[in-house]
PDB file of N, CA and C in Angstrom:
ATOM      1  N   UNK A   1       7.649  19.131  -8.219  1.00  0.00           N
ATOM      2  CA  UNK A   1       6.775  18.293  -7.452  1.00  0.00           C
ATOM      3  C   UNK A   1       6.846  16.874  -8.040  1.00  0.00           C
ATOM      4  N   UNK A   2       7.147  15.883  -7.258  1.00  0.00           N
ATOM      5  CA  UNK A   2       7.231  14.496  -7.709  1.00  0.00           C
ATOM      6  C   UNK A   2       6.020  13.720  -7.185  1.00  0.00           C
ATOM      7  N   UNK A   3       5.312  13.080  -8.095  1.00  0.00           N
ATOM      8  CA  UNK A   3       4.115  12.298  -7.756  1.00  0.00           C
ATOM      9  C   UNK A   3       4.352  10.842  -8.128  1.00  0.00           C
ATOM     10  N   UNK A   4       4.179   9.958  -7.180  1.00  0.00           N
ATOM     11  CA  UNK A   4       4.320   8.517  -7.442  1.00  0.00           C
ATOM     12  C   UNK A   4       2.961   7.892  -7.788  1.00  0.00           C
ATOM     13  N   UNK A   5       2.956   7.029  -8.803  1.00  0.00           N
ATOM     14  CA  UNK A   5       1.715   6.413  -9.295  1.00  0.00           C
ATOM     15  C   UNK A   5       1.885   4.897  -9.296  1.00  0.00           C
ATOM     16  N   UNK A   6       0.893   4.218  -8.739  1.00  0.00           N
ATOM     17  CA  UNK A   6       0.852   2.762  -8.682  1.00  0.00           C
ATOM     18  C   UNK A   6      -0.609   2.365  -8.930  1.00  0.00           C
ATOM     19  N   UNK A   7      -0.790   1.279  -9.655  1.00  0.00           N
ATOM     20  CA  UNK A   7      -2.140   0.742  -9.803  1.00  0.00           C
ATOM     21  C   UNK A   7      -2.086  -0.766  -9.963  1.00  0.00           C
ATOM     22  N   UNK A   8      -2.909  -1.438  -9.163  1.00  0.00           N
ATOM     23  CA  UNK A   8      -3.030  -2.889  -9.363  1.00  0.00           C
ATOM     24  C   UNK A   8      -3.551  -3.170 -10.778  1.00  0.00           C
ATOM     25  N   UNK A   9      -3.379  -4.380 -11.255  1.00  0.00           N
ATOM     26  CA  UNK A   9      -3.746  -4.722 -12.621  1.00  0.00           C
ATOM     27  C   UNK A   9      -5.183  -4.310 -12.984  1.00  0.00           C
ATOM     28  N   UNK A  10      -6.106  -4.569 -12.092  1.00  0.00           N
ATOM     29  CA  UNK A  10      -7.500  -4.253 -12.362  1.00  0.00           C
ATOM     30  C   UNK A  10      -7.824  -2.765 -12.304  1.00  0.00           C
ATOM     31  N   UNK A  11      -6.835  -1.945 -11.930  1.00  0.00           N
ATOM     32  CA  UNK A  11      -7.069  -0.500 -11.763  1.00  0.00           C
ATOM     33  C   UNK A  11      -6.191   0.345 -12.674  1.00  0.00           C
ATOM     34  N   UNK A  12      -5.412  -0.279 -13.561  1.00  0.00           N
ATOM     35  CA  UNK A  12      -4.518   0.494 -14.431  1.00  0.00           C
ATOM     36  C   UNK A  12      -5.285   1.398 -15.392  1.00  0.00           C
ATOM     37  N   UNK A  13      -6.363   0.919 -15.964  1.00  0.00           N
ATOM     38  CA  UNK A  13      -7.199   1.724 -16.852  1.00  0.00           C
ATOM     39  C   UNK A  13      -7.789   2.906 -16.092  1.00  0.00           C
ATOM     40  N   UNK A  14      -8.189   2.675 -14.830  1.00  0.00           N
ATOM     41  CA  UNK A  14      -8.707   3.768 -13.999  1.00  0.00           C
ATOM     42  C   UNK A  14      -7.628   4.843 -13.794  1.00  0.00           C
ATOM     43  N   UNK A  15      -6.406   4.408 -13.607  1.00  0.00           N
ATOM     44  CA  UNK A  15      -5.301   5.368 -13.387  1.00  0.00           C
ATOM     45  C   UNK A  15      -5.107   6.233 -14.640  1.00  0.00           C
ATOM     46  N   UNK A  16      -5.047   5.597 -15.797  1.00  0.00           N
ATOM     47  CA  UNK A  16      -4.880   6.364 -17.033  1.00  0.00           C
ATOM     48  C   UNK A  16      -6.049   7.323 -17.256  1.00  0.00           C
ATOM     49  N   UNK A  17      -7.269   6.884 -16.992  1.00  0.00           N
ATOM     50  CA  UNK A  17      -8.445   7.726 -17.133  1.00  0.00           C
ATOM     51  C   UNK A  17      -8.356   8.899 -16.174  1.00  0.00           C
ATOM     52  N   UNK A  18      -7.979   8.646 -14.946  1.00  0.00           N
ATOM     53  CA  UNK A  18      -7.813   9.683 -13.934  1.00  0.00           C
ATOM     54  C   UNK A  18      -6.805  10.762 -14.385  1.00  0.00           C
ATOM     55  N   UNK A  19      -5.646  10.310 -14.823  1.00  0.00           N
ATOM     56  CA  UNK A  19      -4.596  11.221 -15.262  1.00  0.00           C
ATOM     57  C   UNK A  19      -5.008  12.039 -16.453  1.00  0.00           C
ATOM     58  N   UNK A  20      -5.818  11.429 -17.340  1.00  0.00           N
ATOM     59  CA  UNK A  20      -6.270  12.150 -18.530  1.00  0.00           C
ATOM     60  C   UNK A  20      -7.057  13.382 -18.194  1.00  0.00           C
ATOM     61  N   UNK A  21      -7.719  13.390 -17.032  1.00  0.00           N
ATOM     62  CA  UNK A  21      -8.469  14.550 -16.578  1.00  0.00           C
ATOM     63  C   UNK A  21      -7.587  15.727 -16.169  1.00  0.00           C
ATOM     64  N   UNK A  22      -6.313  15.443 -15.985  1.00  0.00           N
ATOM     65  CA  UNK A  22      -5.346  16.478 -15.567  1.00  0.00           C
ATOM     66  C   UNK A  22      -4.216  16.639 -16.578  1.00  0.00           C
ATOM     67  N   UNK A  23      -4.474  16.220 -17.797  1.00  0.00           N
ATOM     68  CA  UNK A  23      -3.407  16.171 -18.810  1.00  0.00           C
ATOM     69  C   UNK A  23      -2.698  17.522 -18.978  1.00  0.00           C
ATOM     70  N   UNK A  24      -3.417  18.649 -19.116  1.00  0.00           N
ATOM     71  CA  UNK A  24      -2.782  19.917 -19.311  1.00  0.00           C
ATOM     72  C   UNK A  24      -1.839  20.255 -18.157  1.00  0.00           C
ATOM     73  N   UNK A  25      -2.268  20.049 -16.936  1.00  0.00           N
ATOM     74  CA  UNK A  25      -1.468  20.332 -15.760  1.00  0.00           C
ATOM     75  C   UNK A  25      -0.248  19.425 -15.681  1.00  0.00           C
ATOM     76  N   UNK A  26      -0.395  18.168 -16.059  1.00  0.00           N
ATOM     77  CA  UNK A  26       0.702  17.206 -15.920  1.00  0.00           C
ATOM     78  C   UNK A  26       1.808  17.411 -16.972  1.00  0.00           C
ATOM     79  N   UNK A  27       1.525  18.145 -18.007  1.00  0.00           N
ATOM     80  CA  UNK A  27       2.572  18.403 -19.004  1.00  0.00           C
ATOM     81  C   UNK A  27       3.415  19.618 -18.662  1.00  0.00           C
ATOM     82  N   UNK A  28       3.220  20.185 -17.493  1.00  0.00           N
ATOM     83  CA  UNK A  28       4.060  21.278 -17.048  1.00  0.00           C
ATOM     84  C   UNK A  28       5.395  20.709 -16.545  1.00  0.00           C
ATOM     85  N   UNK A  29       6.431  21.536 -16.619  1.00  0.00           N
ATOM     86  CA  UNK A  29       7.772  21.074 -16.250  1.00  0.00           C
ATOM     87  C   UNK A  29       7.980  20.917 -14.740  1.00  0.00           C
ATOM     88  N   UNK A  30       7.085  21.479 -13.922  1.00  0.00           N
ATOM     89  CA  UNK A  30       7.300  21.419 -12.478  1.00  0.00           C
ATOM     90  C   UNK A  30       6.743  20.162 -11.832  1.00  0.00           C
ATOM     91  N   UNK A  31       6.147  19.239 -12.662  1.00  0.00           N
ATOM     92  CA  UNK A  31       5.615  18.019 -12.126  1.00  0.00           C
ATOM     93  C   UNK A  31       6.371  16.829 -12.752  1.00  0.00           C
ATOM     94  N   UNK A  32       6.892  15.977 -11.883  1.00  0.00           N
ATOM     95  CA  UNK A  32       7.583  14.766 -12.331  1.00  0.00           C
ATOM     96  C   UNK A  32       6.744  13.559 -11.853  1.00  0.00           C
ATOM     97  N   UNK A  33       6.455  12.695 -12.799  1.00  0.00           N
ATOM     98  CA  UNK A  33       5.705  11.460 -12.497  1.00  0.00           C
ATOM     99  C   UNK A  33       6.672  10.295 -12.422  1.00  0.00           C
ATOM    100  N   UNK A  34       6.545   9.499 -11.393  1.00  0.00           N
ATOM    101  CA  UNK A  34       7.263   8.219 -11.291  1.00  0.00           C
ATOM    102  C   UNK A  34       6.216   7.151 -11.055  1.00  0.00           C
ATOM    103  N   UNK A  35       6.472   5.962 -11.571  1.00  0.00           N
ATOM    104  CA  UNK A  35       5.488   4.881 -11.443  1.00  0.00           C
ATOM    105  C   UNK A  35       6.189   3.532 -11.425  1.00  0.00           C
ATOM    106  N   UNK A  36       5.483   2.587 -10.853  1.00  0.00           N
ATOM    107  CA  UNK A  36       5.976   1.199 -10.940  1.00  0.00           C
ATOM    108  C   UNK A  36       5.913   0.806 -12.420  1.00  0.00           C
ATOM    109  N   UNK A  37       6.689  -0.222 -12.772  1.00  0.00           N
ATOM    110  CA  UNK A  37       6.953  -0.541 -14.157  1.00  0.00           C
ATOM    111  C   UNK A  37       5.770  -0.724 -15.072  1.00  0.00           C
ATOM    112  N   UNK A  38       4.852  -1.617 -14.762  1.00  0.00           N
ATOM    113  CA  UNK A  38       3.713  -1.876 -15.658  1.00  0.00           C
ATOM    114  C   UNK A  38       2.762  -0.731 -15.663  1.00  0.00           C
ATOM    115  N   UNK A  39       2.493  -0.139 -14.503  1.00  0.00           N
ATOM    116  CA  UNK A  39       1.638   1.059 -14.443  1.00  0.00           C
ATOM    117  C   UNK A  39       2.248   2.156 -15.257  1.00  0.00           C
ATOM    118  N   UNK A  40       3.543   2.346 -15.147  1.00  0.00           N
ATOM    119  CA  UNK A  40       4.258   3.372 -15.911  1.00  0.00           C
ATOM    120  C   UNK A  40       4.139   3.165 -17.409  1.00  0.00           C
ATOM    121  N   UNK A  41       4.175   1.906 -17.845  1.00  0.00           N
ATOM    122  CA  UNK A  41       4.040   1.605 -19.266  1.00  0.00           C
ATOM    123  C   UNK A  41       2.671   2.045 -19.801  1.00  0.00           C
ATOM    124  N   UNK A  42       1.632   1.756 -19.009  1.00  0.00           N
ATOM    125  CA  UNK A  42       0.263   2.178 -19.399  1.00  0.00           C
ATOM    126  C   UNK A  42       0.158   3.720 -19.466  1.00  0.00           C
ATOM    127  N   UNK A  43       0.764   4.356 -18.481  1.00  0.00           N
ATOM    128  CA  UNK A  43       0.727   5.832 -18.418  1.00  0.00           C
ATOM    129  C   UNK A  43       1.493   6.399 -19.600  1.00  0.00           C
ATOM    130  N   UNK A  44       2.640   5.855 -19.891  1.00  0.00           N
ATOM    131  CA  UNK A  44       3.445   6.295 -21.001  1.00  0.00           C
ATOM    132  C   UNK A  44       2.716   6.149 -22.332  1.00  0.00           C
ATOM    133  N   UNK A  45       2.054   5.038 -22.557  1.00  0.00           N
ATOM    134  CA  UNK A  45       1.290   4.797 -23.751  1.00  0.00           C
ATOM    135  C   UNK A  45       0.168   5.815 -23.932  1.00  0.00           C
ATOM    136  N   UNK A  46      -0.290   6.394 -22.829  1.00  0.00           N
ATOM    137  CA  UNK A  46      -1.365   7.389 -22.873  1.00  0.00           C
ATOM    138  C   UNK A  46      -0.802   8.796 -23.172  1.00  0.00           C
ATOM    139  N   UNK A  47       0.508   8.899 -23.383  1.00  0.00           N
ATOM    140  CA  UNK A  47       1.089  10.165 -23.764  1.00  0.00           C
ATOM    141  C   UNK A  47       1.721  10.987 -22.670  1.00  0.00           C
ATOM    142  N   UNK A  48       1.905  10.395 -21.488  1.00  0.00           N
ATOM    143  CA  UNK A  48       2.511  11.105 -20.384  1.00  0.00           C
ATOM    144  C   UNK A  48       3.998  10.763 -20.248  1.00  0.00           C
ATOM    145  N   UNK A  49       4.778  11.725 -19.819  1.00  0.00           N
ATOM    146  CA  UNK A  49       6.175  11.483 -19.493  1.00  0.00           C
ATOM    147  C   UNK A  49       6.247  10.918 -18.081  1.00  0.00           C
ATOM    148  N   UNK A  50       6.854   9.774 -17.916  1.00  0.00           N
ATOM    149  CA  UNK A  50       6.885   9.129 -16.610  1.00  0.00           C
ATOM    150  C   UNK A  50       8.184   8.323 -16.458  1.00  0.00           C
ATOM    151  N   UNK A  51       8.766   8.398 -15.297  1.00  0.00           N
ATOM    152  CA  UNK A  51       9.945   7.582 -14.971  1.00  0.00           C
ATOM    153  C   UNK A  51       9.446   6.254 -14.467  1.00  0.00           C
ATOM    154  N   UNK A  52       9.805   5.190 -15.149  1.00  0.00           N
ATOM    155  CA  UNK A  52       9.358   3.841 -14.744  1.00  0.00           C
ATOM    156  C   UNK A  52      10.391   3.198 -13.823  1.00  0.00           C
ATOM    157  N   UNK A  53       9.894   2.683 -12.728  1.00  0.00           N
ATOM    158  CA  UNK A  53      10.708   1.927 -11.787  1.00  0.00           C
ATOM    159  C   UNK A  53      10.487   0.437 -12.034  1.00  0.00           C
ATOM    160  N   UNK A  54      10.882  -0.376 -11.103  1.00  0.00           N
ATOM    161  CA  UNK A  54      10.630  -1.819 -11.205  1.00  0.00           C
ATOM    162  C   UNK A  54       9.125  -2.082 -11.107  1.00  0.00           C
ATOM    163  N   UNK A  55       8.700  -3.207 -11.603  1.00  0.00           N
ATOM    164  CA  UNK A  55       7.297  -3.620 -11.382  1.00  0.00           C
ATOM    165  C   UNK A  55       7.069  -3.786  -9.882  1.00  0.00           C
ATOM    166  N   UNK A  56       5.842  -3.512  -9.468  1.00  0.00           N
ATOM    167  CA  UNK A  56       5.512  -3.552  -8.029  1.00  0.00           C
ATOM    168  C   UNK A  56       5.926  -4.818  -7.322  1.00  0.00           C
ATOM    169  N   UNK A  57       5.550  -5.989  -7.829  1.00  0.00           N
ATOM    170  CA  UNK A  57       5.884  -7.235  -7.139  1.00  0.00           C
ATOM    171  C   UNK A  57       7.354  -7.531  -7.062  1.00  0.00           C
ATOM    172  N   UNK A  58       8.182  -6.926  -7.909  1.00  0.00           N
ATOM    173  CA  UNK A  58       9.616  -7.214  -7.844  1.00  0.00           C
ATOM    174  C   UNK A  58      10.427  -6.075  -7.308  1.00  0.00           C
ATOM    175  N   UNK A  59       9.786  -5.156  -6.585  1.00  0.00           N
ATOM    176  CA  UNK A  59      10.522  -4.106  -5.886  1.00  0.00           C
ATOM    177  C   UNK A  59      10.094  -2.691  -6.151  1.00  0.00           C
ATOM    178  N   UNK A  60       9.192  -2.457  -7.108  1.00  0.00           N
ATOM    179  CA  UNK A  60       8.765  -1.092  -7.418  1.00  0.00           C
ATOM    180  C   UNK A  60       8.077  -0.407  -6.247  1.00  0.00           C
ATOM    181  N   UNK A  61       7.232  -1.180  -5.534  1.00  0.00           N
ATOM    182  CA  UNK A  61       6.552  -0.599  -4.355  1.00  0.00           C
ATOM    183  C   UNK A  61       7.605  -0.172  -3.325  1.00  0.00           C
ATOM    184  N   UNK A  62       8.632  -0.995  -3.161  1.00  0.00           N
ATOM    185  CA  UNK A  62       9.678  -0.662  -2.194  1.00  0.00           C
ATOM    186  C   UNK A  62      10.491   0.560  -2.644  1.00  0.00           C
ATOM    187  N   UNK A  63      10.707   0.702  -3.956  1.00  0.00           N
ATOM    188  CA  UNK A  63      11.410   1.872  -4.463  1.00  0.00           C
ATOM    189  C   UNK A  63      10.618   3.140  -4.153  1.00  0.00           C
ATOM    190  N   UNK A  64       9.322   3.083  -4.356  1.00  0.00           N
ATOM    191  CA  UNK A  64       8.488   4.247  -4.059  1.00  0.00           C
ATOM    192  C   UNK A  64       8.449   4.502  -2.557  1.00  0.00           C
ATOM    193  N   UNK A  65       8.409   3.467  -1.753  1.00  0.00           N
ATOM    194  CA  UNK A  65       8.455   3.637  -0.275  1.00  0.00           C
ATOM    195  C   UNK A  65       9.753   4.300   0.144  1.00  0.00           C
ATOM    196  N   UNK A  66      10.873   3.954  -0.498  1.00  0.00           N
ATOM    197  CA  UNK A  66      12.153   4.575  -0.170  1.00  0.00           C
ATOM    198  C   UNK A  66      12.113   6.064  -0.495  1.00  0.00           C
ATOM    199  N   UNK A  67      11.515   6.431  -1.643  1.00  0.00           N
ATOM    200  CA  UNK A  67      11.384   7.826  -1.958  1.00  0.00           C
ATOM    201  C   UNK A  67      10.535   8.569  -0.944  1.00  0.00           C
ATOM    202  N   UNK A  68       9.463   7.921  -0.505  1.00  0.00           N
ATOM    203  CA  UNK A  68       8.607   8.532   0.522  1.00  0.00           C
ATOM    204  C   UNK A  68       9.367   8.706   1.829  1.00  0.00           C
ATOM    205  N   UNK A  69      10.164   7.710   2.222  1.00  0.00           N
ATOM    206  CA  UNK A  69      10.927   7.791   3.474  1.00  0.00           C
ATOM    207  C   UNK A  69      11.960   8.932   3.412  1.00  0.00           C
ATOM    208  N   UNK A  70      12.446   9.212   2.211  1.00  0.00           N
ATOM    209  CA  UNK A  70      13.427  10.302   2.039  1.00  0.00           C
ATOM    210  C   UNK A  70      12.744  11.637   1.735  1.00  0.00           C
ATOM    211  N   UNK A  71      11.418  11.647   1.826  1.00  0.00           N
ATOM    212  CA  UNK A  71      10.620  12.857   1.629  1.00  0.00           C
ATOM    213  C   UNK A  71      10.840  13.485   0.229  1.00  0.00           C
ATOM    214  N   UNK A  72      10.988  12.614  -0.741  1.00  0.00           N
ATOM    215  CA  UNK A  72      11.173  13.056  -2.149  1.00  0.00           C
ATOM    216  C   UNK A  72       9.850  13.188  -2.888  1.00  0.00           C
ATOM    217  N   UNK A  73       8.757  12.758  -2.297  1.00  0.00           N
ATOM    218  CA  UNK A  73       7.466  12.722  -2.963  1.00  0.00           C
ATOM    219  C   UNK A  73       6.503  13.748  -2.402  1.00  0.00           C
ATOM    220  N   UNK A  74       5.736  14.386  -3.278  1.00  0.00           N
ATOM    221  CA  UNK A  74       4.683  15.282  -2.822  1.00  0.00           C
ATOM    222  C   UNK A  74       3.422  14.458  -2.484  1.00  0.00           C
ATOM    223  N   UNK A  75       3.233  13.325  -3.176  1.00  0.00           N
ATOM    224  CA  UNK A  75       2.100  12.459  -2.895  1.00  0.00           C
ATOM    225  C   UNK A  75       2.282  11.129  -3.592  1.00  0.00           C
ATOM    226  N   UNK A  76       1.513  10.144  -3.122  1.00  0.00           N
ATOM    227  CA  UNK A  76       1.443   8.828  -3.735  1.00  0.00           C
ATOM    228  C   UNK A  76       0.015   8.573  -4.079  1.00  0.00           C
ATOM    229  N   UNK A  77      -0.207   8.191  -5.335  1.00  0.00           N
ATOM    230  CA  UNK A  77      -1.539   7.775  -5.771  1.00  0.00           C
ATOM    231  C   UNK A  77      -1.421   6.282  -6.083  1.00  0.00           C
ATOM    232  N   UNK A  78      -2.145   5.476  -5.310  1.00  0.00           N
ATOM    233  CA  UNK A  78      -2.048   4.041  -5.441  1.00  0.00           C
ATOM    234  C   UNK A  78      -3.473   3.467  -5.563  1.00  0.00           C
ATOM    235  N   UNK A  79      -3.886   3.230  -6.795  1.00  0.00           N
ATOM    236  CA  UNK A  79      -5.201   2.653  -7.021  1.00  0.00           C
ATOM    237  C   UNK A  79      -5.151   1.168  -6.743  1.00  0.00           C
ATOM    238  N   UNK A  80      -5.620   0.798  -5.561  1.00  0.00           N
ATOM    239  CA  UNK A  80      -5.582  -0.600  -5.111  1.00  0.00           C
ATOM    240  C   UNK A  80      -6.854  -1.281  -5.543  1.00  0.00           C
ATOM    241  N   UNK A  81      -6.735  -2.599  -5.758  1.00  0.00           N
ATOM    242  CA  UNK A  81      -7.881  -3.431  -6.042  1.00  0.00           C
ATOM    243  C   UNK A  81      -8.208  -4.192  -4.780  1.00  0.00           C
ATOM    244  N   UNK A  82      -9.156  -3.743  -3.971  1.00  0.00           N
ATOM    245  CA  UNK A  82      -9.408  -4.363  -2.674  1.00  0.00           C
ATOM    246  C   UNK A  82     -10.128  -5.726  -2.786  1.00  0.00           C
ATOM    247  N   UNK A  83     -10.577  -6.086  -3.959  1.00  0.00           N
ATOM    248  CA  UNK A  83     -11.314  -7.334  -4.135  1.00  0.00           C
ATOM    249  C   UNK A  83     -10.487  -8.456  -4.700  1.00  0.00           C
ATOM    250  N   UNK A  84      -9.216  -8.244  -4.895  1.00  0.00           N
ATOM    251  CA  UNK A  84      -8.318  -9.260  -5.470  1.00  0.00           C
ATOM    252  C   UNK A  84      -7.168  -9.552  -4.520  1.00  0.00           C
ATOM    253  N   UNK A  85      -6.610 -10.724  -4.606  1.00  0.00           N
ATOM    254  CA  UNK A  85      -5.448 -11.076  -3.786  1.00  0.00           C
ATOM    255  C   UNK A  85      -4.204 -10.629  -4.494  1.00  0.00           C
ATOM    256  N   UNK A  86      -3.212 -10.208  -3.715  1.00  0.00           N
ATOM    257  CA  UNK A  86      -1.963  -9.719  -4.260  1.00  0.00           C
ATOM    258  C   UNK A  86      -0.787 -10.374  -3.527  1.00  0.00           C
ATOM    259  N   UNK A  87       0.064 -11.079  -4.272  1.00  0.00           N
ATOM    260  CA  UNK A  87       1.168 -11.787  -3.592  1.00  0.00           C
ATOM    261  C   UNK A  87       2.154 -10.866  -2.907  1.00  0.00           C
ATOM    262  N   UNK A  88       2.199  -9.631  -3.304  1.00  0.00           N
ATOM    263  CA  UNK A  88       3.132  -8.672  -2.693  1.00  0.00           C
ATOM    264  C   UNK A  88       2.443  -7.757  -1.702  1.00  0.00           C
ATOM    265  N   UNK A  89       1.395  -8.246  -1.065  1.00  0.00           N
ATOM    266  CA  UNK A  89       0.649  -7.427  -0.087  1.00  0.00           C
ATOM    267  C   UNK A  89       1.533  -6.888   1.039  1.00  0.00           C
ATOM    268  N   UNK A  90       2.535  -7.655   1.498  1.00  0.00           N
ATOM    269  CA  UNK A  90       3.414  -7.053   2.528  1.00  0.00           C
ATOM    270  C   UNK A  90       4.111  -5.792   2.047  1.00  0.00           C
ATOM    271  N   UNK A  91       4.471  -5.734   0.760  1.00  0.00           N
ATOM    272  CA  UNK A  91       5.095  -4.537   0.220  1.00  0.00           C
ATOM    273  C   UNK A  91       4.104  -3.369   0.181  1.00  0.00           C
ATOM    274  N   UNK A  92       2.859  -3.697  -0.167  1.00  0.00           N
ATOM    275  CA  UNK A  92       1.800  -2.680  -0.204  1.00  0.00           C
ATOM    276  C   UNK A  92       1.588  -2.090   1.191  1.00  0.00           C
ATOM    277  N   UNK A  93       1.496  -2.943   2.171  1.00  0.00           N
ATOM    278  CA  UNK A  93       1.318  -2.495   3.563  1.00  0.00           C
ATOM    279  C   UNK A  93       2.494  -1.650   4.006  1.00  0.00           C
ATOM    280  N   UNK A  94       3.711  -2.087   3.656  1.00  0.00           N
ATOM    281  CA  UNK A  94       4.908  -1.346   3.998  1.00  0.00           C
ATOM    282  C   UNK A  94       4.873   0.064   3.404  1.00  0.00           C
ATOM    283  N   UNK A  95       4.500   0.177   2.152  1.00  0.00           N
ATOM    284  CA  UNK A  95       4.408   1.458   1.475  1.00  0.00           C
ATOM    285  C   UNK A  95       3.411   2.365   2.189  1.00  0.00           C
ATOM    286  N   UNK A  96       2.265   1.832   2.512  1.00  0.00           N
ATOM    287  CA  UNK A  96       1.250   2.637   3.197  1.00  0.00           C
ATOM    288  C   UNK A  96       1.736   3.067   4.564  1.00  0.00           C
ATOM    289  N   UNK A  97       2.407   2.197   5.298  1.00  0.00           N
ATOM    290  CA  UNK A  97       2.954   2.518   6.599  1.00  0.00           C
ATOM    291  C   UNK A  97       4.020   3.635   6.485  1.00  0.00           C
ATOM    292  N   UNK A  98       4.885   3.535   5.504  1.00  0.00           N
ATOM    293  CA  UNK A  98       5.922   4.529   5.314  1.00  0.00           C
ATOM    294  C   UNK A  98       5.294   5.926   4.989  1.00  0.00           C
ATOM    295  N   UNK A  99       4.249   5.905   4.182  1.00  0.00           N
ATOM    296  CA  UNK A  99       3.559   7.171   3.904  1.00  0.00           C
ATOM    297  C   UNK A  99       2.987   7.768   5.176  1.00  0.00           C
ATOM    298  N   UNK A 100       2.415   6.919   6.036  1.00  0.00           N
ATOM    299  CA  UNK A 100       1.851   7.405   7.302  1.00  0.00           C
ATOM    300  C   UNK A 100       2.965   7.929   8.216  1.00  0.00           C
ATOM    301  N   UNK A 101       4.047   7.192   8.311  1.00  0.00           N
ATOM    302  CA  UNK A 101       5.153   7.581   9.221  1.00  0.00           C
ATOM    303  C   UNK A 101       5.755   8.921   8.797  1.00  0.00           C
ATOM    304  N   UNK A 102       5.901   9.108   7.500  1.00  0.00           N
ATOM    305  CA  UNK A 102       6.600  10.313   6.989  1.00  0.00           C
ATOM    306  C   UNK A 102       5.626  11.377   6.473  1.00  0.00           C
ATOM    307  N   UNK A 103       4.331  11.191   6.776  1.00  0.00           N
ATOM    308  CA  UNK A 103       3.319  12.204   6.485  1.00  0.00           C
ATOM    309  C   UNK A 103       3.272  12.540   4.982  1.00  0.00           C
ATOM    310  N   UNK A 104       3.327  11.526   4.136  1.00  0.00           N
ATOM    311  CA  UNK A 104       3.202  11.694   2.699  1.00  0.00           C
ATOM    312  C   UNK A 104       1.754  11.429   2.293  1.00  0.00           C
ATOM    313  N   UNK A 105       1.063  12.368   1.677  1.00  0.00           N
ATOM    314  CA  UNK A 105      -0.316  12.146   1.273  1.00  0.00           C
ATOM    315  C   UNK A 105      -0.431  10.903   0.373  1.00  0.00           C
ATOM    316  N   UNK A 106      -1.420  10.048   0.674  1.00  0.00           N
ATOM    317  CA  UNK A 106      -1.630   8.802  -0.042  1.00  0.00           C
ATOM    318  C   UNK A 106      -3.095   8.661  -0.400  1.00  0.00           C
ATOM    319  N   UNK A 107      -3.364   8.522  -1.686  1.00  0.00           N
ATOM    320  CA  UNK A 107      -4.732   8.312  -2.153  1.00  0.00           C
ATOM    321  C   UNK A 107      -4.832   6.909  -2.709  1.00  0.00           C
ATOM    322  N   UNK A 108      -5.873   6.178  -2.315  1.00  0.00           N
ATOM    323  CA  UNK A 108      -6.033   4.816  -2.800  1.00  0.00           C
ATOM    324  C   UNK A 108      -7.244   4.615  -3.704  1.00  0.00           C
ATOM    325  N   UNK A 109      -7.894   5.686  -4.048  1.00  0.00           N
ATOM    326  CA  UNK A 109      -9.021   5.605  -4.970  1.00  0.00           C
ATOM    327  C   UNK A 109      -9.147   6.911  -5.712  1.00  0.00           C
ATOM    328  N   UNK A 110      -9.879   6.943  -6.859  1.00  0.00           N
ATOM    329  CA  UNK A 110      -9.960   8.157  -7.639  1.00  0.00           C
ATOM    330  C   UNK A 110     -10.557   9.351  -6.927  1.00  0.00           C
ATOM    331  N   UNK A 111     -11.515   9.147  -6.057  1.00  0.00           N
ATOM    332  CA  UNK A 111     -12.134  10.273  -5.365  1.00  0.00           C
ATOM    333  C   UNK A 111     -11.158  10.989  -4.458  1.00  0.00           C
ATOM    334  N   UNK A 112     -10.419  10.257  -3.661  1.00  0.00           N
ATOM    335  CA  UNK A 112      -9.444  10.896  -2.777  1.00  0.00           C
ATOM    336  C   UNK A 112      -8.268  11.457  -3.577  1.00  0.00           C
ATOM    337  N   UNK A 113      -7.894  10.759  -4.641  1.00  0.00           N
ATOM    338  CA  UNK A 113      -6.786  11.238  -5.490  1.00  0.00           C
ATOM    339  C   UNK A 113      -7.147  12.569  -6.129  1.00  0.00           C
ATOM    340  N   UNK A 114      -8.377  12.721  -6.554  1.00  0.00           N
ATOM    341  CA  UNK A 114      -8.803  13.956  -7.206  1.00  0.00           C
ATOM    342  C   UNK A 114      -8.733  15.132  -6.231  1.00  0.00           C
ATOM    343  N   UNK A 115      -9.208  14.935  -5.019  1.00  0.00           N
ATOM    344  CA  UNK A 115      -9.156  15.970  -4.002  1.00  0.00           C
ATOM    345  C   UNK A 115      -7.738  16.385  -3.703  1.00  0.00           C
ATOM    346  N   UNK A 116      -6.864  15.386  -3.495  1.00  0.00           N
ATOM    347  CA  UNK A 116      -5.465  15.715  -3.167  1.00  0.00           C
ATOM    348  C   UNK A 116      -4.778  16.340  -4.358  1.00  0.00           C
ATOM    349  N   UNK A 117      -4.984  15.800  -5.516  1.00  0.00           N
ATOM    350  CA  UNK A 117      -4.310  16.289  -6.702  1.00  0.00           C
ATOM    351  C   UNK A 117      -4.704  17.738  -7.001  1.00  0.00           C
ATOM    352  N   UNK A 118      -5.962  18.067  -6.881  1.00  0.00           N
ATOM    353  CA  UNK A 118      -6.391  19.451  -7.131  1.00  0.00           C
ATOM    354  C   UNK A 118      -5.758  20.371  -6.101  1.00  0.00           C
ATOM    355  N   UNK A 119      -5.668  19.955  -4.850  1.00  0.00           N
ATOM    356  CA  UNK A 119      -5.096  20.805  -3.800  1.00  0.00           C
ATOM    357  C   UNK A 119      -3.612  21.015  -4.031  1.00  0.00           C
ATOM    358  N   UNK A 120      -2.876  19.979  -4.355  1.00  0.00           N
ATOM    359  CA  UNK A 120      -1.428  20.101  -4.498  1.00  0.00           C
ATOM    360  C   UNK A 120      -1.011  20.743  -5.805  1.00  0.00           C
ATOM    361  N   UNK A 121      -1.813  20.587  -6.841  1.00  0.00           N
ATOM    362  CA  UNK A 121      -1.376  21.149  -8.143  1.00  0.00           C
ATOM    363  C   UNK A 121      -1.848  22.576  -8.330  1.00  0.00           C
ATOM    364  N   UNK A 122      -2.649  23.131  -7.430  1.00  0.00           N
ATOM    365  CA  UNK A 122      -3.068  24.517  -7.533  1.00  0.00           C
ATOM    366  C   UNK A 122      -2.000  25.484  -7.039  1.00  0.00           C
ATOM    367  N   UNK A 123      -1.085  24.942  -6.293  1.00  0.00           N
ATOM    368  CA  UNK A 123      -0.033  25.813  -5.711  1.00  0.00           C
ATOM    369  C   UNK A 123       0.925  26.348  -6.765  1.00  0.00           C
TER     370      UNK A 123
END
């Protein structure tokens, strides 16, 4: 199961905290984490194995969207900061649209991510 992780700058600590609640499950061999570059660095520093892609603004969001379009992802967890401006907002919207088109579960906050994560990781 491959899970994509993205977090805007103001939400990276929230992402690490969220993942820490599932640490035992995430260290299993059947789960692969992929993340945009900076988010991946934060996740890696917290002790998780993660494949880091490009930083979001320079193509990481698009790389994850391509994985979603090819149905390589079980889910996308994208902790967005709705109160800040983001220069790569078109990429963010494209990723969300691709998830909708290809029916890839997408969580944009910890509450929805927890529900989805518990459901998908219990299998």
